[in-house]
Amino acid sequence: MKNSLGHGAYFADHPKKSHTYAIPDNTDQPHVMFYNKVLLGNQVILPNADQTLVAAPVGYHSVKGTSFKYTEYIIYRYGQALPYLKIIYKV
């Protein structure tokens, strides 16, 4: 899958969105998803994809993407996220 809002760390508030990225290497392996605490700060809402982003626009700390069924949140400074739980599951 192409990153719709550039090169950053992507998060979602709905697990179905994250599940689409939690694909194991083969069918015998479980899926892995992380539950994170994310500091979004001042968000800019972008309703359309922009694959050229490498940082949030000036004056903002994160991007809220609304162009898909489930909202996604993108940070471009990795210190804004803290892994909290590792979730391992099979479907």
PDB file of N, CA and C in Angstrom:
ATOM      1  N   MET A   1       0.826  -1.185   0.000  1.00  0.00           N
ATOM      2  CA  MET A   1       0.000   0.000   0.000  1.00  0.00           C
ATOM      3  C   MET A   1       0.870   1.248   0.000  1.00  0.00           C
ATOM      4  N   LYS A   2       0.477   2.212  -0.777  1.00  0.00           N
ATOM      5  CA  LYS A   2       1.186   3.487  -0.831  1.00  0.00           C
ATOM      6  C   LYS A   2       0.774   4.348   0.351  1.00  0.00           C
ATOM      7  N   ASN A   3       1.720   5.060   0.914  1.00  0.00           N
ATOM      8  CA  ASN A   3       1.409   6.007   1.975  1.00  0.00           C
ATOM      9  C   ASN A   3       0.736   7.220   1.349  1.00  0.00           C
ATOM     10  N   SER A   4      -0.481   7.453   1.736  1.00  0.00           N
ATOM     11  CA  SER A   4      -1.266   8.504   1.102  1.00  0.00           C
ATOM     12  C   SER A   4      -0.874   9.918   1.527  1.00  0.00           C
ATOM     13  N   LEU A   5      -0.227  10.029   2.670  1.00  0.00           N
ATOM     14  CA  LEU A   5       0.139  11.358   3.158  1.00  0.00           C
ATOM     15  C   LEU A   5       1.628  11.458   3.457  1.00  0.00           C
ATOM     16  N   GLY A   6       2.414  10.874   2.577  1.00  0.00           N
ATOM     17  CA  GLY A   6       3.852  11.031   2.647  1.00  0.00           C
ATOM     18  C   GLY A   6       4.556  10.071   3.574  1.00  0.00           C
ATOM     19  N   HIS A   7       5.823  10.404   3.823  1.00  0.00           N
ATOM     20  CA  HIS A   7       6.708   9.565   4.623  1.00  0.00           C
ATOM     21  C   HIS A   7       6.602   9.963   6.083  1.00  0.00           C
ATOM     22  N   GLY A   8       5.894   9.145   6.873  1.00  0.00           N
ATOM     23  CA  GLY A   8       5.731   9.408   8.299  1.00  0.00           C
ATOM     24  C   GLY A   8       5.264   8.156   8.995  1.00  0.00           C
ATOM     25  N   ALA A   9       4.944   8.264  10.256  1.00  0.00           N
ATOM     26  CA  ALA A   9       4.411   7.153  11.034  1.00  0.00           C
ATOM     27  C   ALA A   9       2.893   7.291  11.060  1.00  0.00           C
ATOM     28  N   TYR A  10       2.203   6.234  10.631  1.00  0.00           N
ATOM     29  CA  TYR A  10       0.750   6.258  10.484  1.00  0.00           C
ATOM     30  C   TYR A  10       0.072   5.560  11.653  1.00  0.00           C
ATOM     31  N   PHE A  11      -1.044   6.147  12.116  1.00  0.00           N
ATOM     32  CA  PHE A  11      -1.823   5.595  13.217  1.00  0.00           C
ATOM     33  C   PHE A  11      -3.303   5.721  12.871  1.00  0.00           C
ATOM     34  N   ALA A  12      -4.129   4.904  13.523  1.00  0.00           N
ATOM     35  CA  ALA A  12      -5.570   4.953  13.297  1.00  0.00           C
ATOM     36  C   ALA A  12      -6.285   4.742  14.620  1.00  0.00           C
ATOM     37  N   ASP A  13      -7.505   5.260  14.725  1.00  0.00           N
ATOM     38  CA  ASP A  13      -8.269   5.026  15.942  1.00  0.00           C
ATOM     39  C   ASP A  13      -9.200   3.825  15.789  1.00  0.00           C
ATOM     40  N   HIS A  14      -9.229   3.213  14.602  1.00  0.00           N
ATOM     41  CA  HIS A  14     -10.051   2.022  14.378  1.00  0.00           C
ATOM     42  C   HIS A  14      -9.144   0.854  14.004  1.00  0.00           C
ATOM     43  N   PRO A  15      -9.230  -0.271  14.720  1.00  0.00           N
ATOM     44  CA  PRO A  15      -8.329  -1.392  14.451  1.00  0.00           C
ATOM     45  C   PRO A  15      -8.462  -1.989  13.051  1.00  0.00           C
ATOM     46  N   LYS A  16      -9.595  -1.844  12.400  1.00  0.00           N
ATOM     47  CA  LYS A  16      -9.742  -2.369  11.030  1.00  0.00           C
ATOM     48  C   LYS A  16      -8.791  -1.667  10.069  1.00  0.00           C
ATOM     49  N   LYS A  17      -8.556  -0.392  10.274  1.00  0.00           N
ATOM     50  CA  LYS A  17      -7.608   0.345   9.443  1.00  0.00           C
ATOM     51  C   LYS A  17      -6.195  -0.196   9.662  1.00  0.00           C
ATOM     52  N   SER A  18      -5.802  -0.371  10.909  1.00  0.00           N
ATOM     53  CA  SER A  18      -4.463  -0.874  11.227  1.00  0.00           C
ATOM     54  C   SER A  18      -4.287  -2.317  10.773  1.00  0.00           C
ATOM     55  N   HIS A  19      -5.337  -3.114  10.825  1.00  0.00           N
ATOM     56  CA  HIS A  19      -5.258  -4.523  10.421  1.00  0.00           C
ATOM     57  C   HIS A  19      -4.814  -4.670   8.965  1.00  0.00           C
ATOM     58  N   THR A  20      -5.171  -3.745   8.115  1.00  0.00           N
ATOM     59  CA  THR A  20      -4.790  -3.843   6.701  1.00  0.00           C
ATOM     60  C   THR A  20      -3.285  -3.743   6.507  1.00  0.00           C
ATOM     61  N   TYR A  21      -2.572  -3.197   7.503  1.00  0.00           N
ATOM     62  CA  TYR A  21      -1.115  -3.082   7.439  1.00  0.00           C
ATOM     63  C   TYR A  21      -0.400  -4.172   8.237  1.00  0.00           C
ATOM     64  N   ALA A  22      -1.134  -4.960   9.010  1.00  0.00           N
ATOM     65  CA  ALA A  22      -0.552  -5.976   9.890  1.00  0.00           C
ATOM     66  C   ALA A  22      -0.521  -7.346   9.205  1.00  0.00           C
ATOM     67  N   ILE A  23       0.075  -7.403   8.036  1.00  0.00           N
ATOM     68  CA  ILE A  23       0.090  -8.626   7.240  1.00  0.00           C
ATOM     69  C   ILE A  23       1.347  -9.438   7.575  1.00  0.00           C
ATOM     70  N   PRO A  24       1.173 -10.706   8.000  1.00  0.00           N
ATOM     71  CA  PRO A  24       2.352 -11.524   8.317  1.00  0.00           C
ATOM     72  C   PRO A  24       3.096 -11.963   7.059  1.00  0.00           C
ATOM     73  N   ASP A  25       4.344 -12.416   7.253  1.00  0.00           N
ATOM     74  CA  ASP A  25       5.165 -12.872   6.125  1.00  0.00           C
ATOM     75  C   ASP A  25       4.594 -14.111   5.445  1.00  0.00           C
ATOM     76  N   ASN A  26       4.018 -15.009   6.231  1.00  0.00           N
ATOM     77  CA  ASN A  26       3.368 -16.180   5.638  1.00  0.00           C
ATOM     78  C   ASN A  26       2.107 -16.506   6.433  1.00  0.00           C
ATOM     79  N   THR A  27       1.335 -17.459   5.961  1.00  0.00           N
ATOM     80  CA  THR A  27       0.026 -17.730   6.556  1.00  0.00           C
ATOM     81  C   THR A  27       0.094 -18.368   7.937  1.00  0.00           C
ATOM     82  N   ASP A  28       1.244 -18.948   8.320  1.00  0.00           N
ATOM     83  CA  ASP A  28       1.362 -19.586   9.628  1.00  0.00           C
ATOM     84  C   ASP A  28       1.666 -18.594  10.749  1.00  0.00           C
ATOM     85  N   GLN A  29       2.084 -17.397  10.398  1.00  0.00           N
ATOM     86  CA  GLN A  29       2.472 -16.420  11.408  1.00  0.00           C
ATOM     87  C   GLN A  29       1.282 -15.574  11.847  1.00  0.00           C
ATOM     88  N   PRO A  30       1.308 -15.120  13.097  1.00  0.00           N
ATOM     89  CA  PRO A  30       0.225 -14.248  13.563  1.00  0.00           C
ATOM     90  C   PRO A  30       0.400 -12.818  13.061  1.00  0.00           C
ATOM     91  N   HIS A  31      -0.653 -12.055  13.148  1.00  0.00           N
ATOM     92  CA  HIS A  31      -0.607 -10.624  12.861  1.00  0.00           C
ATOM     93  C   HIS A  31      -0.068  -9.914  14.102  1.00  0.00           C
ATOM     94  N   VAL A  32       0.615  -8.803  13.903  1.00  0.00           N
ATOM     95  CA  VAL A  32       1.126  -8.008  15.024  1.00  0.00           C
ATOM     96  C   VAL A  32       0.685  -6.564  14.830  1.00  0.00           C
ATOM     97  N   MET A  33       0.119  -6.008  15.877  1.00  0.00           N
ATOM     98  CA  MET A  33      -0.333  -4.622  15.857  1.00  0.00           C
ATOM     99  C   MET A  33       0.115  -3.982  17.170  1.00  0.00           C
ATOM    100  N   PHE A  34       0.461  -2.711  17.129  1.00  0.00           N
ATOM    101  CA  PHE A  34       0.868  -2.004  18.330  1.00  0.00           C
ATOM    102  C   PHE A  34      -0.180  -0.967  18.712  1.00  0.00           C
ATOM    103  N   TYR A  35      -0.463  -0.908  20.000  1.00  0.00           N
ATOM    104  CA  TYR A  35      -1.315   0.131  20.564  1.00  0.00           C
ATOM    105  C   TYR A  35      -0.354   1.199  21.080  1.00  0.00           C
ATOM    106  N   ASN A  36      -0.510   2.422  20.608  1.00  0.00           N
ATOM    107  CA  ASN A  36       0.444   3.494  20.913  1.00  0.00           C
ATOM    108  C   ASN A  36      -0.217   4.681  21.582  1.00  0.00           C
ATOM    109  N   LYS A  37       0.561   5.387  22.350  1.00  0.00           N
ATOM    110  CA  LYS A  37       0.157   6.710  22.820  1.00  0.00           C
ATOM    111  C   LYS A  37       0.818   7.686  21.862  1.00  0.00           C
ATOM    112  N   VAL A  38       0.018   8.557  21.244  1.00  0.00           N
ATOM    113  CA  VAL A  38       0.525   9.452  20.209  1.00  0.00           C
ATOM    114  C   VAL A  38       0.176  10.895  20.576  1.00  0.00           C
ATOM    115  N   LEU A  39       1.183  11.757  20.544  1.00  0.00           N
ATOM    116  CA  LEU A  39       0.976  13.186  20.767  1.00  0.00           C
ATOM    117  C   LEU A  39       0.752  13.844  19.412  1.00  0.00           C
ATOM    118  N   LEU A  40      -0.495  14.213  19.128  1.00  0.00           N
ATOM    119  CA  LEU A  40      -0.828  14.787  17.826  1.00  0.00           C
ATOM    120  C   LEU A  40      -0.626  16.301  17.796  1.00  0.00           C
ATOM    121  N   GLY A  41      -0.726  16.952  18.933  1.00  0.00           N
ATOM    122  CA  GLY A  41      -0.543  18.397  18.959  1.00  0.00           C
ATOM    123  C   GLY A  41      -1.556  19.110  18.082  1.00  0.00           C
ATOM    124  N   ASN A  42      -1.116  20.161  17.421  1.00  0.00           N
ATOM    125  CA  ASN A  42      -1.965  20.928  16.514  1.00  0.00           C
ATOM    126  C   ASN A  42      -2.051  20.180  15.179  1.00  0.00           C
ATOM    127  N   GLN A  43      -3.246  19.687  14.825  1.00  0.00           N
ATOM    128  CA  GLN A  43      -3.428  18.878  13.621  1.00  0.00           C
ATOM    129  C   GLN A  43      -3.946  19.709  12.450  1.00  0.00           C
ATOM    130  N   VAL A  44      -3.461  19.393  11.263  1.00  0.00           N
ATOM    131  CA  VAL A  44      -4.047  19.931  10.047  1.00  0.00           C
ATOM    132  C   VAL A  44      -4.869  18.788   9.450  1.00  0.00           C
ATOM    133  N   ILE A  45      -6.070  19.083   8.988  1.00  0.00           N
ATOM    134  CA  ILE A  45      -6.938  18.073   8.381  1.00  0.00           C
ATOM    135  C   ILE A  45      -6.774  18.152   6.872  1.00  0.00           C
ATOM    136  N   LEU A  46      -6.378  17.029   6.265  1.00  0.00           N
ATOM    137  CA  LEU A  46      -6.207  16.966   4.816  1.00  0.00           C
ATOM    138  C   LEU A  46      -7.185  15.942   4.242  1.00  0.00           C
ATOM    139  N   PRO A  47      -8.170  16.406   3.454  1.00  0.00           N
ATOM    140  CA  PRO A  47      -9.159  15.486   2.888  1.00  0.00           C
ATOM    141  C   PRO A  47      -8.659  14.747   1.646  1.00  0.00           C
ATOM    142  N   ASN A  48      -7.507  15.146   1.094  1.00  0.00           N
ATOM    143  CA  ASN A  48      -6.976  14.514  -0.108  1.00  0.00           C
ATOM    144  C   ASN A  48      -5.560  14.017   0.121  1.00  0.00           C
ATOM    145  N   ALA A  49      -5.183  12.993  -0.611  1.00  0.00           N
ATOM    146  CA  ALA A  49      -3.840  12.419  -0.495  1.00  0.00           C
ATOM    147  C   ALA A  49      -2.791  13.415  -0.980  1.00  0.00           C
ATOM    148  N   ASP A  50      -1.613  13.347  -0.351  1.00  0.00           N
ATOM    149  CA  ASP A  50      -0.460  14.150  -0.752  1.00  0.00           C
ATOM    150  C   ASP A  50       0.786  13.352  -0.398  1.00  0.00           C
ATOM    151  N   GLN A  51       1.275  12.556  -1.332  1.00  0.00           N
ATOM    152  CA  GLN A  51       2.395  11.655  -1.087  1.00  0.00           C
ATOM    153  C   GLN A  51       3.733  12.383  -0.992  1.00  0.00           C
ATOM    154  N   THR A  52       3.755  13.681  -1.190  1.00  0.00           N
ATOM    155  CA  THR A  52       5.010  14.437  -1.151  1.00  0.00           C
ATOM    156  C   THR A  52       5.377  14.901   0.254  1.00  0.00           C
ATOM    157  N   LEU A  53       4.483  14.751   1.221  1.00  0.00           N
ATOM    158  CA  LEU A  53       4.758  15.255   2.574  1.00  0.00           C
ATOM    159  C   LEU A  53       5.917  14.514   3.232  1.00  0.00           C
ATOM    160  N   VAL A  54       6.799  15.267   3.847  1.00  0.00           N
ATOM    161  CA  VAL A  54       7.881  14.695   4.660  1.00  0.00           C
ATOM    162  C   VAL A  54       7.852  15.308   6.060  1.00  0.00           C
ATOM    163  N   ALA A  55       6.936  16.246   6.276  1.00  0.00           N
ATOM    164  CA  ALA A  55       6.739  16.896   7.568  1.00  0.00           C
ATOM    165  C   ALA A  55       5.335  17.488   7.581  1.00  0.00           C
ATOM    166  N   ALA A  56       4.821  17.726   8.778  1.00  0.00           N
ATOM    167  CA  ALA A  56       3.545  18.428   8.886  1.00  0.00           C
ATOM    168  C   ALA A  56       3.761  19.862   8.401  1.00  0.00           C
ATOM    169  N   PRO A  57       2.724  20.490   7.847  1.00  0.00           N
ATOM    170  CA  PRO A  57       2.872  21.878   7.400  1.00  0.00           C
ATOM    171  C   PRO A  57       3.313  22.792   8.553  1.00  0.00           C
ATOM    172  N   VAL A  58       3.941  23.895   8.215  1.00  0.00           N
ATOM    173  CA  VAL A  58       4.420  24.869   9.209  1.00  0.00           C
ATOM    174  C   VAL A  58       3.265  25.259  10.127  1.00  0.00           C
ATOM    175  N   GLY A  59       3.511  25.235  11.414  1.00  0.00           N
ATOM    176  CA  GLY A  59       2.492  25.589  12.399  1.00  0.00           C
ATOM    177  C   GLY A  59       1.695  24.397  12.902  1.00  0.00           C
ATOM    178  N   TYR A  60       1.967  23.210  12.387  1.00  0.00           N
ATOM    179  CA  TYR A  60       1.232  22.001  12.785  1.00  0.00           C
ATOM    180  C   TYR A  60       2.214  20.928  13.247  1.00  0.00           C
ATOM    181  N   HIS A  61       1.693  19.991  14.064  1.00  0.00           N
ATOM    182  CA  HIS A  61       2.514  18.904  14.587  1.00  0.00           C
ATOM    183  C   HIS A  61       2.188  17.558  13.951  1.00  0.00           C
ATOM    184  N   SER A  62       1.001  17.450  13.341  1.00  0.00           N
ATOM    185  CA  SER A  62       0.579  16.181  12.743  1.00  0.00           C
ATOM    186  C   SER A  62      -0.463  16.447  11.666  1.00  0.00           C
ATOM    187  N   VAL A  63      -0.774  15.378  10.938  1.00  0.00           N
ATOM    188  CA  VAL A  63      -1.767  15.453   9.863  1.00  0.00           C
ATOM    189  C   VAL A  63      -2.872  14.458  10.160  1.00  0.00           C
ATOM    190  N   LYS A  64      -4.115  14.876   9.962  1.00  0.00           N
ATOM    191  CA  LYS A  64      -5.270  13.994  10.082  1.00  0.00           C
ATOM    192  C   LYS A  64      -5.806  13.787   8.668  1.00  0.00           C
ATOM    193  N   GLY A  65      -5.685  12.551   8.183  1.00  0.00           N
ATOM    194  CA  GLY A  65      -6.151  12.237   6.831  1.00  0.00           C
ATOM    195  C   GLY A  65      -7.559  11.692   6.858  1.00  0.00           C
ATOM    196  N   THR A  66      -8.415  12.282   6.056  1.00  0.00           N
ATOM    197  CA  THR A  66      -9.825  11.883   6.053  1.00  0.00           C
ATOM    198  C   THR A  66     -10.283  11.375   4.691  1.00  0.00           C
ATOM    199  N   SER A  67      -9.337  10.962   3.832  1.00  0.00           N
ATOM    200  CA  SER A  67      -9.717  10.572   2.465  1.00  0.00           C
ATOM    201  C   SER A  67     -10.124   9.110   2.347  1.00  0.00           C
ATOM    202  N   PHE A  68     -10.070   8.348   3.432  1.00  0.00           N
ATOM    203  CA  PHE A  68     -10.436   6.937   3.395  1.00  0.00           C
ATOM    204  C   PHE A  68     -11.609   6.659   4.325  1.00  0.00           C
ATOM    205  N   LYS A  69     -12.064   5.396   4.324  1.00  0.00           N
ATOM    206  CA  LYS A  69     -13.183   5.010   5.180  1.00  0.00           C
ATOM    207  C   LYS A  69     -12.870   5.271   6.650  1.00  0.00           C
ATOM    208  N   TYR A  70     -11.636   4.957   7.054  1.00  0.00           N
ATOM    209  CA  TYR A  70     -11.208   5.173   8.429  1.00  0.00           C
ATOM    210  C   TYR A  70     -10.174   6.292   8.468  1.00  0.00           C
ATOM    211  N   THR A  71     -10.285   7.152   9.452  1.00  0.00           N
ATOM    212  CA  THR A  71      -9.361   8.269   9.612  1.00  0.00           C
ATOM    213  C   THR A  71      -7.972   7.758   9.964  1.00  0.00           C
ATOM    214  N   GLU A  72      -6.946   8.420   9.419  1.00  0.00           N
ATOM    215  CA  GLU A  72      -5.573   8.086   9.774  1.00  0.00           C
ATOM    216  C   GLU A  72      -4.879   9.336  10.280  1.00  0.00           C
ATOM    217  N   TYR A  73      -3.927   9.121  11.176  1.00  0.00           N
ATOM    218  CA  TYR A  73      -3.179  10.205  11.800  1.00  0.00           C
ATOM    219  C   TYR A  73      -1.709   9.977  11.487  1.00  0.00           C
ATOM    220  N   ILE A  74      -1.021  10.999  11.040  1.00  0.00           N
ATOM    221  CA  ILE A  74       0.368  10.852  10.634  1.00  0.00           C
ATOM    222  C   ILE A  74       1.217  11.846  11.410  1.00  0.00           C
ATOM    223  N   ILE A  75       2.307  11.304  11.976  1.00  0.00           N
ATOM    224  CA  ILE A  75       3.298  12.159  12.615  1.00  0.00           C
ATOM    225  C   ILE A  75       4.594  12.008  11.833  1.00  0.00           C
ATOM    226  N   TYR A  76       5.405  13.024  11.849  1.00  0.00           N
ATOM    227  CA  TYR A  76       6.646  13.020  11.089  1.00  0.00           C
ATOM    228  C   TYR A  76       7.864  13.113  12.003  1.00  0.00           C
ATOM    229  N   ARG A  77       7.629  13.210  13.304  1.00  0.00           N
ATOM    230  CA  ARG A  77       8.686  13.163  14.321  1.00  0.00           C
ATOM    231  C   ARG A  77       8.402  11.936  15.172  1.00  0.00           C
ATOM    232  N   TYR A  78       9.279  10.977  15.112  1.00  0.00           N
ATOM    233  CA  TYR A  78       9.000   9.700  15.753  1.00  0.00           C
ATOM    234  C   TYR A  78       8.950   9.779  17.271  1.00  0.00           C
ATOM    235  N   GLY A  79       9.460  10.823  17.875  1.00  0.00           N
ATOM    236  CA  GLY A  79       9.365  11.000  19.315  1.00  0.00           C
ATOM    237  C   GLY A  79       7.965  11.324  19.787  1.00  0.00           C
ATOM    238  N   GLN A  80       7.029  11.518  18.872  1.00  0.00           N
ATOM    239  CA  GLN A  80       5.645  11.830  19.227  1.00  0.00           C
ATOM    240  C   GLN A  80       4.840  10.579  19.542  1.00  0.00           C
ATOM    241  N   ALA A  81       5.406   9.387  19.372  1.00  0.00           N
ATOM    242  CA  ALA A  81       4.667   8.152  19.621  1.00  0.00           C
ATOM    243  C   ALA A  81       5.408   7.270  20.607  1.00  0.00           C
ATOM    244  N   LEU A  82       4.647   6.605  21.464  1.00  0.00           N
ATOM    245  CA  LEU A  82       5.197   5.690  22.436  1.00  0.00           C
ATOM    246  C   LEU A  82       4.430   4.374  22.344  1.00  0.00           C
ATOM    247  N   PRO A  83       5.077   3.289  21.908  1.00  0.00           N
ATOM    248  CA  PRO A  83       4.395   1.988  21.896  1.00  0.00           C
ATOM    249  C   PRO A  83       3.978   1.623  23.316  1.00  0.00           C
ATOM    250  N   TYR A  84       2.731   1.194  23.464  1.00  0.00           N
ATOM    251  CA  TYR A  84       2.162   0.920  24.781  1.00  0.00           C
ATOM    252  C   TYR A  84       1.865  -0.563  24.957  1.00  0.00           C
ATOM    253  N   LEU A  85       1.278  -1.181  23.946  1.00  0.00           N
ATOM    254  CA  LEU A  85       0.959  -2.608  23.970  1.00  0.00           C
ATOM    255  C   LEU A  85       1.287  -3.236  22.634  1.00  0.00           C
ATOM    256  N   LYS A  86       1.772  -4.462  22.660  1.00  0.00           N
ATOM    257  CA  LYS A  86       1.980  -5.242  21.435  1.00  0.00           C
ATOM    258  C   LYS A  86       0.863  -6.275  21.399  1.00  0.00           C
ATOM    259  N   ILE A  87       0.089  -6.259  20.330  1.00  0.00           N
ATOM    260  CA  ILE A  87      -1.053  -7.158  20.193  1.00  0.00           C
ATOM    261  C   ILE A  87      -0.726  -8.191  19.123  1.00  0.00           C
ATOM    262  N   ILE A  88      -0.759  -9.464  19.474  1.00  0.00           N
ATOM    263  CA  ILE A  88      -0.490 -10.550  18.554  1.00  0.00           C
ATOM    264  C   ILE A  88      -1.788 -11.340  18.388  1.00  0.00           C
ATOM    265  N   TYR A  89      -2.212 -11.532  17.143  1.00  0.00           N
ATOM    266  CA  TYR A  89      -3.492 -12.205  16.925  1.00  0.00           C
ATOM    267  C   TYR A  89      -3.485 -12.970  15.599  1.00  0.00           C
ATOM    268  N   LYS A  90      -4.402 -13.920  15.500  1.00  0.00           N
ATOM    269  CA  LYS A  90      -4.626 -14.665  14.258  1.00  0.00           C
ATOM    270  C   LYS A  90      -6.069 -14.462  13.837  1.00  0.00           C
ATOM    271  N   VAL A  91      -6.284 -14.481  12.543  1.00  0.00           N
ATOM    272  CA  VAL A  91      -7.646 -14.331  12.021  1.00  0.00           C
ATOM    273  C   VAL A  91      -8.140 -15.630  11.440  1.00  0.00           C
TER     274      VAL A  91
END
